[in-house]
């Protein structure tokens, strides 16, 4: 019984870690590009944003489509706008 509990606990921890997003910055929010400015910059680049949020890892994360209409999930560093991690649904 103890082994089963250990395996279940380990699996839960692994699943949680696998789903967690990246850590984008440790900079204070006062140094971040504003959410509105970031969203406008992405729109200017052709992105359609369905959802925009701030993650626990201090990233701006979007769900939407790129200029070619490909579905994307992208994590951006809010200080410099660099892409930290990107998922595309080609």
PDB file of N, CA and C in Angstrom:
ATOM      1  N   UNK A   1       0.817  -1.193   0.000  1.00  0.00           N
ATOM      2  CA  UNK A   1       0.000   0.000   0.000  1.00  0.00           C
ATOM      3  C   UNK A   1       0.869   1.269   0.000  1.00  0.00           C
ATOM      4  N   UNK A   2       1.965   1.234   0.762  1.00  0.00           N
ATOM      5  CA  UNK A   2       2.840   2.406   0.817  1.00  0.00           C
ATOM      6  C   UNK A   2       3.481   2.678  -0.543  1.00  0.00           C
ATOM      7  N   UNK A   3       3.836   1.626  -1.254  1.00  0.00           N
ATOM      8  CA  UNK A   3       4.456   1.797  -2.573  1.00  0.00           C
ATOM      9  C   UNK A   3       3.459   2.444  -3.525  1.00  0.00           C
ATOM     10  N   UNK A   4       2.217   2.008  -3.502  1.00  0.00           N
ATOM     11  CA  UNK A   4       1.203   2.585  -4.382  1.00  0.00           C
ATOM     12  C   UNK A   4       1.023   4.073  -4.073  1.00  0.00           C
ATOM     13  N   UNK A   5       1.005   4.433  -2.787  1.00  0.00           N
ATOM     14  CA  UNK A   5       0.854   5.831  -2.388  1.00  0.00           C
ATOM     15  C   UNK A   5       2.048   6.653  -2.876  1.00  0.00           C
ATOM     16  N   UNK A   6       3.259   6.079  -2.727  1.00  0.00           N
ATOM     17  CA  UNK A   6       4.460   6.777  -3.182  1.00  0.00           C
ATOM     18  C   UNK A   6       4.435   6.999  -4.689  1.00  0.00           C
ATOM     19  N   UNK A   7       4.072   5.975  -5.440  1.00  0.00           N
ATOM     20  CA  UNK A   7       4.014   6.077  -6.900  1.00  0.00           C
ATOM     21  C   UNK A   7       2.979   7.113  -7.315  1.00  0.00           C
ATOM     22  N   UNK A   8       1.824   7.110  -6.677  1.00  0.00           N
ATOM     23  CA  UNK A   8       0.781   8.091  -7.009  1.00  0.00           C
ATOM     24  C   UNK A   8       1.250   9.506  -6.692  1.00  0.00           C
ATOM     25  N   UNK A   9       1.923   9.676  -5.558  1.00  0.00           N
ATOM     26  CA  UNK A   9       2.427  11.004  -5.194  1.00  0.00           C
ATOM     27  C   UNK A   9       3.496  11.467  -6.168  1.00  0.00           C
ATOM     28  N   UNK A  10       4.396  10.583  -6.529  1.00  0.00           N
ATOM     29  CA  UNK A  10       5.453  10.933  -7.482  1.00  0.00           C
ATOM     30  C   UNK A  10       4.860  11.301  -8.840  1.00  0.00           C
ATOM     31  N   UNK A  11       3.864  10.552  -9.274  1.00  0.00           N
ATOM     32  CA  UNK A  11       3.220  10.844 -10.557  1.00  0.00           C
ATOM     33  C   UNK A  11       2.546  12.208 -10.528  1.00  0.00           C
ATOM     34  N   UNK A  12       1.905  12.537  -9.428  1.00  0.00           N
ATOM     35  CA  UNK A  12       1.245  13.841  -9.294  1.00  0.00           C
ATOM     36  C   UNK A  12       2.269  14.967  -9.342  1.00  0.00           C
ATOM     37  N   UNK A  13       3.375  14.808  -8.641  1.00  0.00           N
ATOM     38  CA  UNK A  13       4.421  15.835  -8.665  1.00  0.00           C
ATOM     39  C   UNK A  13       5.000  15.994 -10.059  1.00  0.00           C
ATOM     40  N   UNK A  14       5.251  14.897 -10.747  1.00  0.00           N
ATOM     41  CA  UNK A  14       5.795  14.952 -12.096  1.00  0.00           C
ATOM     42  C   UNK A  14       4.827  15.646 -13.041  1.00  0.00           C
ATOM     43  N   UNK A  15       3.538  15.327 -12.936  1.00  0.00           N
ATOM     44  CA  UNK A  15       2.526  15.943 -13.794  1.00  0.00           C
ATOM     45  C   UNK A  15       2.464  17.433 -13.555  1.00  0.00           C
ATOM     46  N   UNK A  16       2.491  17.849 -12.297  1.00  0.00           N
ATOM     47  CA  UNK A  16       2.444  19.273 -11.971  1.00  0.00           C
ATOM     48  C   UNK A  16       3.664  19.985 -12.540  1.00  0.00           C
ATOM     49  N   UNK A  17       4.832  19.387 -12.406  1.00  0.00           N
ATOM     50  CA  UNK A  17       6.047  20.013 -12.915  1.00  0.00           C
ATOM     51  C   UNK A  17       6.028  20.087 -14.435  1.00  0.00           C
ATOM     52  N   UNK A  18       5.480  19.088 -15.087  1.00  0.00           N
ATOM     53  CA  UNK A  18       5.452  19.061 -16.548  1.00  0.00           C
ATOM     54  C   UNK A  18       4.526  20.126 -17.116  1.00  0.00           C
ATOM     55  N   UNK A  19       3.486  20.497 -16.387  1.00  0.00           N
ATOM     56  CA  UNK A  19       2.510  21.460 -16.866  1.00  0.00           C
ATOM     57  C   UNK A  19       2.941  22.887 -16.559  1.00  0.00           C
ATOM     58  N   UNK A  20       3.790  23.055 -15.568  1.00  0.00           N
ATOM     59  CA  UNK A  20       4.202  24.388 -15.149  1.00  0.00           C
ATOM     60  C   UNK A  20       4.897  25.114 -16.291  1.00  0.00           C
ATOM     61  N   UNK A  21       4.602  26.401 -16.413  1.00  0.00           N
ATOM     62  CA  UNK A  21       5.224  27.207 -17.446  1.00  0.00           C
ATOM     63  C   UNK A  21       6.618  27.648 -17.033  1.00  0.00           C
ATOM     64  N   UNK A  22       7.297  28.320 -17.931  1.00  0.00           N
ATOM     65  CA  UNK A  22       8.670  28.755 -17.658  1.00  0.00           C
ATOM     66  C   UNK A  22       8.719  29.941 -16.701  1.00  0.00           C
ATOM     67  N   UNK A  23       9.893  30.174 -16.172  1.00  0.00           N
ATOM     68  CA  UNK A  23      10.178  31.367 -15.377  1.00  0.00           C
ATOM     69  C   UNK A  23      10.772  32.385 -16.352  1.00  0.00           C
ATOM     70  N   UNK A  24      10.126  33.520 -16.526  1.00  0.00           N
ATOM     71  CA  UNK A  24      10.555  34.475 -17.552  1.00  0.00           C
ATOM     72  C   UNK A  24      11.447  35.586 -17.035  1.00  0.00           C
ATOM     73  N   UNK A  25      11.170  36.075 -15.832  1.00  0.00           N
ATOM     74  CA  UNK A  25      11.983  37.173 -15.295  1.00  0.00           C
ATOM     75  C   UNK A  25      11.850  37.227 -13.785  1.00  0.00           C
ATOM     76  N   UNK A  26      12.843  37.824 -13.177  1.00  0.00           N
ATOM     77  CA  UNK A  26      12.809  38.099 -11.736  1.00  0.00           C
ATOM     78  C   UNK A  26      12.712  39.615 -11.521  1.00  0.00           C
ATOM     79  N   UNK A  27      12.653  40.358 -12.610  1.00  0.00           N
ATOM     80  CA  UNK A  27      12.594  41.821 -12.523  1.00  0.00           C
ATOM     81  C   UNK A  27      11.274  42.258 -11.902  1.00  0.00           C
ATOM     82  N   UNK A  28      11.283  43.353 -11.149  1.00  0.00           N
ATOM     83  CA  UNK A  28      10.029  43.855 -10.576  1.00  0.00           C
ATOM     84  C   UNK A  28       9.083  44.330 -11.678  1.00  0.00           C
ATOM     85  N   UNK A  29       7.793  44.276 -11.395  1.00  0.00           N
ATOM     86  CA  UNK A  29       6.793  44.664 -12.393  1.00  0.00           C
ATOM     87  C   UNK A  29       6.979  46.094 -12.885  1.00  0.00           C
ATOM     88  N   UNK A  30       7.595  46.937 -12.087  1.00  0.00           N
ATOM     89  CA  UNK A  30       7.832  48.325 -12.510  1.00  0.00           C
ATOM     90  C   UNK A  30       8.753  48.397 -13.729  1.00  0.00           C
ATOM     91  N   UNK A  31       9.499  47.324 -14.008  1.00  0.00           N
ATOM     92  CA  UNK A  31      10.394  47.294 -15.164  1.00  0.00           C
ATOM     93  C   UNK A  31       9.757  46.599 -16.376  1.00  0.00           C
ATOM     94  N   UNK A  32       8.557  46.071 -16.222  1.00  0.00           N
ATOM     95  CA  UNK A  32       7.893  45.348 -17.303  1.00  0.00           C
ATOM     96  C   UNK A  32       7.270  46.311 -18.303  1.00  0.00           C
ATOM     97  N   UNK A  33       7.158  45.867 -19.542  1.00  0.00           N
ATOM     98  CA  UNK A  33       6.347  46.566 -20.528  1.00  0.00           C
ATOM     99  C   UNK A  33       4.898  46.433 -20.067  1.00  0.00           C
ATOM    100  N   UNK A  34       4.110  47.473 -20.181  1.00  0.00           N
ATOM    101  CA  UNK A  34       2.718  47.380 -19.726  1.00  0.00           C
ATOM    102  C   UNK A  34       1.970  46.330 -20.535  1.00  0.00           C
ATOM    103  N   UNK A  35       0.949  45.750 -19.919  1.00  0.00           N
ATOM    104  CA  UNK A  35       0.168  44.727 -20.607  1.00  0.00           C
ATOM    105  C   UNK A  35      -0.465  45.285 -21.878  1.00  0.00           C
ATOM    106  N   UNK A  36      -0.978  46.483 -21.804  1.00  0.00           N
ATOM    107  CA  UNK A  36      -1.598  47.099 -22.973  1.00  0.00           C
ATOM    108  C   UNK A  36      -0.609  47.306 -24.106  1.00  0.00           C
ATOM    109  N   UNK A  37       0.593  47.789 -23.771  1.00  0.00           N
ATOM    110  CA  UNK A  37       1.622  48.021 -24.794  1.00  0.00           C
ATOM    111  C   UNK A  37       2.069  46.696 -25.410  1.00  0.00           C
ATOM    112  N   UNK A  38       2.180  45.659 -24.588  1.00  0.00           N
ATOM    113  CA  UNK A  38       2.592  44.345 -25.112  1.00  0.00           C
ATOM    114  C   UNK A  38       1.529  43.787 -26.044  1.00  0.00           C
ATOM    115  N   UNK A  39       0.268  43.903 -25.641  1.00  0.00           N
ATOM    116  CA  UNK A  39      -0.812  43.406 -26.497  1.00  0.00           C
ATOM    117  C   UNK A  39      -0.857  44.162 -27.814  1.00  0.00           C
ATOM    118  N   UNK A  40      -0.636  45.467 -27.776  1.00  0.00           N
ATOM    119  CA  UNK A  40      -0.639  46.259 -29.006  1.00  0.00           C
ATOM    120  C   UNK A  40       0.522  45.867 -29.906  1.00  0.00           C
ATOM    121  N   UNK A  41       1.691  45.645 -29.314  1.00  0.00           N
ATOM    122  CA  UNK A  41       2.862  45.234 -30.095  1.00  0.00           C
ATOM    123  C   UNK A  41       2.606  43.894 -30.791  1.00  0.00           C
ATOM    124  N   UNK A  42       1.986  42.971 -30.076  1.00  0.00           N
ATOM    125  CA  UNK A  42       1.685  41.658 -30.669  1.00  0.00           C
ATOM    126  C   UNK A  42       0.638  41.786 -31.780  1.00  0.00           C
ATOM    127  N   UNK A  43      -0.357  42.621 -31.556  1.00  0.00           N
ATOM    128  CA  UNK A  43      -1.369  42.850 -32.603  1.00  0.00           C
ATOM    129  C   UNK A  43      -0.712  43.459 -33.839  1.00  0.00           C
ATOM    130  N   UNK A  44       0.227  44.382 -33.631  1.00  0.00           N
ATOM    131  CA  UNK A  44       0.944  44.995 -34.750  1.00  0.00           C
ATOM    132  C   UNK A  44       1.771  43.971 -35.522  1.00  0.00           C
ATOM    133  N   UNK A  45       2.200  42.908 -34.841  1.00  0.00           N
ATOM    134  CA  UNK A  45       2.966  41.831 -35.485  1.00  0.00           C
ATOM    135  C   UNK A  45       2.046  40.812 -36.157  1.00  0.00           C
ATOM    136  N   UNK A  46       0.728  40.997 -36.035  1.00  0.00           N
ATOM    137  CA  UNK A  46      -0.213  40.121 -36.716  1.00  0.00           C
ATOM    138  C   UNK A  46      -0.857  39.048 -35.863  1.00  0.00           C
ATOM    139  N   UNK A  47      -0.579  39.054 -34.565  1.00  0.00           N
ATOM    140  CA  UNK A  47      -1.192  38.061 -33.687  1.00  0.00           C
ATOM    141  C   UNK A  47      -2.643  38.433 -33.386  1.00  0.00           C
ATOM    142  N   UNK A  48      -3.491  37.421 -33.310  1.00  0.00           N
ATOM    143  CA  UNK A  48      -4.842  37.569 -32.789  1.00  0.00           C
ATOM    144  C   UNK A  48      -4.813  36.943 -31.409  1.00  0.00           C
ATOM    145  N   UNK A  49      -5.138  37.709 -30.388  1.00  0.00           N
ATOM    146  CA  UNK A  49      -5.040  37.237 -29.010  1.00  0.00           C
ATOM    147  C   UNK A  49      -6.423  36.859 -28.499  1.00  0.00           C
ATOM    148  N   UNK A  50      -6.582  35.569 -28.166  1.00  0.00           N
ATOM    149  CA  UNK A  50      -7.831  35.103 -27.560  1.00  0.00           C
ATOM    150  C   UNK A  50      -7.771  35.245 -26.043  1.00  0.00           C
ATOM    151  N   UNK A  51      -6.591  35.026 -25.474  1.00  0.00           N
ATOM    152  CA  UNK A  51      -6.406  35.150 -24.025  1.00  0.00           C
ATOM    153  C   UNK A  51      -5.005  35.669 -23.759  1.00  0.00           C
ATOM    154  N   UNK A  52      -4.907  36.613 -22.845  1.00  0.00           N
ATOM    155  CA  UNK A  52      -3.631  37.206 -22.440  1.00  0.00           C
ATOM    156  C   UNK A  52      -3.597  37.162 -20.932  1.00  0.00           C
ATOM    157  N   UNK A  53      -2.518  36.620 -20.361  1.00  0.00           N
ATOM    158  CA  UNK A  53      -2.450  36.578 -18.898  1.00  0.00           C
ATOM    159  C   UNK A  53      -1.010  36.655 -18.418  1.00  0.00           C
ATOM    160  N   UNK A  54      -0.874  36.915 -17.124  1.00  0.00           N
ATOM    161  CA  UNK A  54       0.409  36.914 -16.443  1.00  0.00           C
ATOM    162  C   UNK A  54       0.501  35.583 -15.697  1.00  0.00           C
ATOM    163  N   UNK A  55       1.593  34.858 -15.902  1.00  0.00           N
ATOM    164  CA  UNK A  55       1.739  33.543 -15.290  1.00  0.00           C
ATOM    165  C   UNK A  55       2.442  33.640 -13.935  1.00  0.00           C
ATOM    166  N   UNK A  56       2.436  32.534 -13.214  1.00  0.00           N
ATOM    167  CA  UNK A  56       3.147  32.456 -11.940  1.00  0.00           C
ATOM    168  C   UNK A  56       4.652  32.591 -12.136  1.00  0.00           C
ATOM    169  N   UNK A  57       5.136  32.305 -13.338  1.00  0.00           N
ATOM    170  CA  UNK A  57       6.557  32.420 -13.650  1.00  0.00           C
ATOM    171  C   UNK A  57       6.947  33.792 -14.168  1.00  0.00           C
ATOM    172  N   UNK A  58       6.084  34.774 -13.954  1.00  0.00           N
ATOM    173  CA  UNK A  58       6.340  36.154 -14.386  1.00  0.00           C
ATOM    174  C   UNK A  58       6.530  36.274 -15.888  1.00  0.00           C
ATOM    175  N   UNK A  59       5.624  35.657 -16.618  1.00  0.00           N
ATOM    176  CA  UNK A  59       5.612  35.742 -18.077  1.00  0.00           C
ATOM    177  C   UNK A  59       4.301  36.383 -18.515  1.00  0.00           C
ATOM    178  N   UNK A  60       4.314  36.986 -19.690  1.00  0.00           N
ATOM    179  CA  UNK A  60       3.070  37.275 -20.385  1.00  0.00           C
ATOM    180  C   UNK A  60       2.814  36.055 -21.256  1.00  0.00           C
ATOM    181  N   UNK A  61       1.632  35.485 -21.152  1.00  0.00           N
ATOM    182  CA  UNK A  61       1.288  34.308 -21.932  1.00  0.00           C
ATOM    183  C   UNK A  61       0.080  34.635 -22.799  1.00  0.00           C
ATOM    184  N   UNK A  62       0.158  34.241 -24.062  1.00  0.00           N
ATOM    185  CA  UNK A  62      -0.988  34.435 -24.941  1.00  0.00           C
ATOM    186  C   UNK A  62      -1.429  33.102 -25.528  1.00  0.00           C
ATOM    187  N   UNK A  63      -2.721  33.034 -25.766  1.00  0.00           N
ATOM    188  CA  UNK A  63      -3.327  31.977 -26.564  1.00  0.00           C
ATOM    189  C   UNK A  63      -3.999  32.700 -27.716  1.00  0.00           C
ATOM    190  N   UNK A  64      -3.756  32.261 -28.924  1.00  0.00           N
ATOM    191  CA  UNK A  64      -4.362  32.911 -30.069  1.00  0.00           C
ATOM    192  C   UNK A  64      -3.831  32.335 -31.361  1.00  0.00           C
ATOM    193  N   UNK A  65      -3.703  33.207 -32.353  1.00  0.00           N
ATOM    194  CA  UNK A  65      -3.224  32.801 -33.672  1.00  0.00           C
ATOM    195  C   UNK A  65      -2.168  33.783 -34.151  1.00  0.00           C
ATOM    196  N   UNK A  66      -1.201  33.242 -34.914  1.00  0.00           N
ATOM    197  CA  UNK A  66      -0.202  34.117 -35.516  1.00  0.00           C
ATOM    198  C   UNK A  66      -0.758  34.699 -36.817  1.00  0.00           C
ATOM    199  N   UNK A  67       0.052  35.461 -37.537  1.00  0.00           N
ATOM    200  CA  UNK A  67      -0.446  36.127 -38.754  1.00  0.00           C
ATOM    201  C   UNK A  67      -0.827  35.151 -39.858  1.00  0.00           C
ATOM    202  N   UNK A  68      -0.345  33.892 -39.784  1.00  0.00           N
ATOM    203  CA  UNK A  68      -0.729  32.869 -40.767  1.00  0.00           C
ATOM    204  C   UNK A  68      -1.970  32.096 -40.332  1.00  0.00           C
ATOM    205  N   UNK A  69      -2.518  32.436 -39.163  1.00  0.00           N
ATOM    206  CA  UNK A  69      -3.706  31.751 -38.672  1.00  0.00           C
ATOM    207  C   UNK A  69      -3.421  30.464 -37.915  1.00  0.00           C
ATOM    208  N   UNK A  70      -2.156  30.228 -37.583  1.00  0.00           N
ATOM    209  CA  UNK A  70      -1.768  29.036 -36.823  1.00  0.00           C
ATOM    210  C   UNK A  70      -2.001  29.300 -35.336  1.00  0.00           C
ATOM    211  N   UNK A  71      -2.665  28.356 -34.662  1.00  0.00           N
ATOM    212  CA  UNK A  71      -2.910  28.495 -33.230  1.00  0.00           C
ATOM    213  C   UNK A  71      -1.589  28.427 -32.474  1.00  0.00           C
ATOM    214  N   UNK A  72      -1.431  29.340 -31.506  1.00  0.00           N
ATOM    215  CA  UNK A  72      -0.197  29.414 -30.727  1.00  0.00           C
ATOM    216  C   UNK A  72      -0.494  29.600 -29.250  1.00  0.00           C
ATOM    217  N   UNK A  73       0.438  29.141 -28.450  1.00  0.00           N
ATOM    218  CA  UNK A  73       0.517  29.465 -27.028  1.00  0.00           C
ATOM    219  C   UNK A  73       1.951  29.920 -26.844  1.00  0.00           C
ATOM    220  N   UNK A  74       2.143  31.170 -26.412  1.00  0.00           N
ATOM    221  CA  UNK A  74       3.493  31.724 -26.339  1.00  0.00           C
ATOM    222  C   UNK A  74       3.696  32.421 -24.995  1.00  0.00           C
ATOM    223  N   UNK A  75       4.867  32.179 -24.405  1.00  0.00           N
ATOM    224  CA  UNK A  75       5.285  32.845 -23.173  1.00  0.00           C
ATOM    225  C   UNK A  75       6.326  33.897 -23.543  1.00  0.00           C
ATOM    226  N   UNK A  76       6.112  35.124 -23.111  1.00  0.00           N
ATOM    227  CA  UNK A  76       7.026  36.231 -23.399  1.00  0.00           C
ATOM    228  C   UNK A  76       7.637  36.760 -22.115  1.00  0.00           C
ATOM    229  N   UNK A  77       8.907  37.176 -22.203  1.00  0.00           N
ATOM    230  CA  UNK A  77       9.528  37.907 -21.114  1.00  0.00           C
ATOM    231  C   UNK A  77       8.895  39.305 -21.122  1.00  0.00           C
ATOM    232  N   UNK A  78       8.260  39.724 -20.027  1.00  0.00           N
ATOM    233  CA  UNK A  78       7.566  41.013 -20.025  1.00  0.00           C
ATOM    234  C   UNK A  78       8.490  42.229 -19.984  1.00  0.00           C
ATOM    235  N   UNK A  79       9.773  42.012 -19.740  1.00  0.00           N
ATOM    236  CA  UNK A  79      10.718  43.126 -19.702  1.00  0.00           C
ATOM    237  C   UNK A  79      11.163  43.505 -21.108  1.00  0.00           C
ATOM    238  N   UNK A  80      11.527  42.496 -21.911  1.00  0.00           N
ATOM    239  CA  UNK A  80      12.079  42.786 -23.235  1.00  0.00           C
ATOM    240  C   UNK A  80      11.267  42.217 -24.395  1.00  0.00           C
ATOM    241  N   UNK A  81      10.188  41.489 -24.095  1.00  0.00           N
ATOM    242  CA  UNK A  81       9.316  40.955 -25.141  1.00  0.00           C
ATOM    243  C   UNK A  81       9.836  39.716 -25.840  1.00  0.00           C
ATOM    244  N   UNK A  82      10.961  39.163 -25.386  1.00  0.00           N
ATOM    245  CA  UNK A  82      11.508  37.962 -26.020  1.00  0.00           C
ATOM    246  C   UNK A  82      10.588  36.759 -25.800  1.00  0.00           C
ATOM    247  N   UNK A  83      10.507  35.886 -26.809  1.00  0.00           N
ATOM    248  CA  UNK A  83       9.771  34.637 -26.671  1.00  0.00           C
ATOM    249  C   UNK A  83      10.613  33.699 -25.819  1.00  0.00           C
ATOM    250  N   UNK A  84      10.011  33.182 -24.743  1.00  0.00           N
ATOM    251  CA  UNK A  84      10.702  32.261 -23.838  1.00  0.00           C
ATOM    252  C   UNK A  84      10.348  30.824 -24.186  1.00  0.00           C
ATOM    253  N   UNK A  85       9.077  30.603 -24.524  1.00  0.00           N
ATOM    254  CA  UNK A  85       8.620  29.262 -24.913  1.00  0.00           C
ATOM    255  C   UNK A  85       7.427  29.439 -25.827  1.00  0.00           C
ATOM    256  N   UNK A  86       7.316  28.545 -26.817  1.00  0.00           N
ATOM    257  CA  UNK A  86       6.244  28.671 -27.795  1.00  0.00           C
ATOM    258  C   UNK A  86       5.734  27.290 -28.208  1.00  0.00           C
ATOM    259  N   UNK A  87       4.427  27.173 -28.286  1.00  0.00           N
ATOM    260  CA  UNK A  87       3.775  25.976 -28.790  1.00  0.00           C
ATOM    261  C   UNK A  87       2.946  26.378 -29.991  1.00  0.00           C
ATOM    262  N   UNK A  88       3.084  25.652 -31.091  1.00  0.00           N
ATOM    263  CA  UNK A  88       2.325  25.932 -32.302  1.00  0.00           C
ATOM    264  C   UNK A  88       1.494  24.715 -32.658  1.00  0.00           C
ATOM    265  N   UNK A  89       0.290  24.938 -33.115  1.00  0.00           N
ATOM    266  CA  UNK A  89      -0.600  23.850 -33.519  1.00  0.00           C
ATOM    267  C   UNK A  89      -0.752  23.890 -35.029  1.00  0.00           C
ATOM    268  N   UNK A  90       0.333  23.538 -35.724  1.00  0.00           N
ATOM    269  CA  UNK A  90       0.340  23.574 -37.194  1.00  0.00           C
ATOM    270  C   UNK A  90      -0.609  22.575 -37.782  1.00  0.00           C
TER     271      UNK A  90
END
